[in-house]
Structures are given as C-alpha cells and as structure tokens.
Amino acid sequence: MAGVLKSVAEAARDASGCFGAQVASSDGDPNQVVLISRWESSDAMRKFHAGPDFTSLERTLDGSVKGTPSVEVFTTA
C-alpha cells in the first residue's frame, strides 16, 4: 500500500498548487500509513482529489485496507 501512496504523492507534487507531498508510516503501527500534502488553497487540493490520480487510489485500495480510508484537512495556524 505504501507504494501506491508514494505514486499518488509523486502525482500530487506535480499538481498545480501543491507545495509538497510525502508518505509516512506510524512508528507505533507499521500497518498505518498516511499521505501528507501541502496545498496553496483548498480549491487546488479539491481539484486534485477529484482528478484521476487520486480517484484511482480509492479504487486501488478498495477492499485491501481495514475500515474506510479517511481524508483529514488541517489548516496552518
């Protein structure tokens, strides 16, 4: 799964409005991985999430992960 997320991170880095993206795994649970990305605006992020590079991730992971993958948005304070 980390390999799939890394390919999405690469696509995000090439997307308009993305400042950077990376994949990280939990030190406490090696089965937990996250894709972290920084965006110029929420509109730029939504555009990427609606595009094929991100929607293909959802189809690829369907049925291969426990529970439902989630997207959580944080805003820089």
C-alpha atoms as a PDB file:
ATOM      1  CA  MET A   1       0.000   0.000   0.000  1.00  0.00           C
ATOM      2  CA  ALA A   2       2.858   2.422   0.738  1.00  0.00           C
ATOM      3  CA  GLY A   3       3.989   2.051  -2.877  1.00  0.00           C
ATOM      4  CA  VAL A   4       0.573   3.077  -4.157  1.00  0.00           C
ATOM      5  CA  LEU A   5       0.517   6.071  -1.817  1.00  0.00           C
ATOM      6  CA  LYS A   6       4.019   7.067  -2.946  1.00  0.00           C
ATOM      7  CA  SER A   7       2.860   7.176  -6.564  1.00  0.00           C
ATOM      8  CA  VAL A   8      -0.063   9.405  -5.560  1.00  0.00           C
ATOM      9  CA  ALA A   9       2.350  11.643  -3.601  1.00  0.00           C
ATOM     10  CA  GLU A  10       4.504  11.976  -6.729  1.00  0.00           C
ATOM     11  CA  ALA A  11       1.441  12.941  -8.775  1.00  0.00           C
ATOM     12  CA  ALA A  12       0.390  15.448  -6.113  1.00  0.00           C
ATOM     13  CA  ARG A  13       3.834  17.072  -6.133  1.00  0.00           C
ATOM     14  CA  ASP A  14       3.414  17.628  -9.880  1.00  0.00           C
ATOM     15  CA  ALA A  15      -0.111  19.046  -9.481  1.00  0.00           C
ATOM     16  CA  SER A  16      -0.794  22.741  -9.723  1.00  0.00           C
ATOM     17  CA  GLY A  17      -0.915  24.324  -6.274  1.00  0.00           C
ATOM     18  CA  CYS A  18       0.850  21.534  -4.376  1.00  0.00           C
ATOM     19  CA  PHE A  19       3.791  22.631  -2.226  1.00  0.00           C
ATOM     20  CA  GLY A  20       4.852  19.055  -1.463  1.00  0.00           C
ATOM     21  CA  ALA A  21       3.634  15.569  -0.601  1.00  0.00           C
ATOM     22  CA  GLN A  22       5.094  12.573   1.181  1.00  0.00           C
ATOM     23  CA  VAL A  23       4.132   9.244   2.696  1.00  0.00           C
ATOM     24  CA  ALA A  24       4.803   8.487   6.358  1.00  0.00           C
ATOM     25  CA  SER A  25       4.263   5.366   8.442  1.00  0.00           C
ATOM     26  CA  SER A  26       3.453   5.144  12.110  1.00  0.00           C
ATOM     27  CA  ASP A  27       6.294   4.153  14.444  1.00  0.00           C
ATOM     28  CA  GLY A  28       3.701   2.501  16.692  1.00  0.00           C
ATOM     29  CA  ASP A  29       1.759   0.672  13.961  1.00  0.00           C
ATOM     30  CA  PRO A  30       3.695  -0.152  10.783  1.00  0.00           C
ATOM     31  CA  ASN A  31       0.406  -1.005   9.031  1.00  0.00           C
ATOM     32  CA  GLN A  32      -0.762   2.596   9.383  1.00  0.00           C
ATOM     33  CA  VAL A  33       0.433   4.944   6.657  1.00  0.00           C
ATOM     34  CA  VAL A  34      -0.552   8.481   5.765  1.00  0.00           C
ATOM     35  CA  LEU A  35      -0.183  10.663   2.719  1.00  0.00           C
ATOM     36  CA  ILE A  36       0.667  14.210   3.796  1.00  0.00           C
ATOM     37  CA  SER A  37       0.430  17.078   1.333  1.00  0.00           C
ATOM     38  CA  ARG A  38       0.505  20.878   1.497  1.00  0.00           C
ATOM     39  CA  TRP A  39      -1.591  22.942  -0.865  1.00  0.00           C
ATOM     40  CA  GLU A  40      -1.751  26.556  -1.970  1.00  0.00           C
ATOM     41  CA  SER A  41      -5.516  26.517  -1.413  1.00  0.00           C
ATOM     42  CA  SER A  42      -8.346  24.168  -0.540  1.00  0.00           C
ATOM     43  CA  ASP A  43      -9.602  24.566  -4.117  1.00  0.00           C
ATOM     44  CA  ALA A  44      -6.299  23.252  -5.503  1.00  0.00           C
ATOM     45  CA  MET A  45      -6.488  20.269  -3.148  1.00  0.00           C
ATOM     46  CA  ARG A  46     -10.119  19.545  -4.064  1.00  0.00           C
ATOM     47  CA  LYS A  47      -9.255  19.697  -7.757  1.00  0.00           C
ATOM     48  CA  PHE A  48      -6.504  17.112  -7.259  1.00  0.00           C
ATOM     49  CA  HIS A  49      -8.782  14.898  -5.133  1.00  0.00           C
ATOM     50  CA  ALA A  50     -11.395  14.947  -7.914  1.00  0.00           C
ATOM     51  CA  GLY A  51      -8.852  14.025 -10.578  1.00  0.00           C
ATOM     52  CA  PRO A  52      -7.798  10.580 -11.814  1.00  0.00           C
ATOM     53  CA  ASP A  53      -4.525  10.389  -9.856  1.00  0.00           C
ATOM     54  CA  PHE A  54      -6.446  10.484  -6.558  1.00  0.00           C
ATOM     55  CA  THR A  55      -9.659   8.698  -7.541  1.00  0.00           C
ATOM     56  CA  SER A  56      -7.604   5.782  -8.884  1.00  0.00           C
ATOM     57  CA  LEU A  57      -6.101   5.471  -5.396  1.00  0.00           C
ATOM     58  CA  GLU A  58      -9.573   4.949  -3.947  1.00  0.00           C
ATOM     59  CA  ARG A  59     -10.312   2.204  -6.491  1.00  0.00           C
ATOM     60  CA  THR A  60      -6.920   0.540  -5.954  1.00  0.00           C
ATOM     61  CA  LEU A  61      -7.294   0.454  -2.168  1.00  0.00           C
ATOM     62  CA  ASP A  62     -10.939  -0.657  -2.217  1.00  0.00           C
ATOM     63  CA  GLY A  63     -11.148  -3.900  -0.254  1.00  0.00           C
ATOM     64  CA  SER A  64      -7.434  -4.004   0.593  1.00  0.00           C
ATOM     65  CA  VAL A  65      -7.500  -1.947   3.789  1.00  0.00           C
ATOM     66  CA  LYS A  66      -9.271  -2.366   7.093  1.00  0.00           C
ATOM     67  CA  GLY A  67     -12.016   0.175   7.577  1.00  0.00           C
ATOM     68  CA  THR A  68     -12.595   3.176   5.407  1.00  0.00           C
ATOM     69  CA  PRO A  69      -9.629   5.359   4.454  1.00  0.00           C
ATOM     70  CA  SER A  70     -10.170   8.910   5.617  1.00  0.00           C
ATOM     71  CA  VAL A  71      -9.120  12.337   4.464  1.00  0.00           C
ATOM     72  CA  GLU A  72      -8.482  14.885   7.174  1.00  0.00           C
ATOM     73  CA  VAL A  73      -7.751  18.501   6.350  1.00  0.00           C
ATOM     74  CA  PHE A  74      -5.641  20.744   8.573  1.00  0.00           C
ATOM     75  CA  THR A  75      -5.152  24.482   8.127  1.00  0.00           C
ATOM     76  CA  THR A  76      -1.915  26.170   9.106  1.00  0.00           C
ATOM     77  CA  ALA A  77      -2.439  28.326  12.174  1.00  0.00           C
END
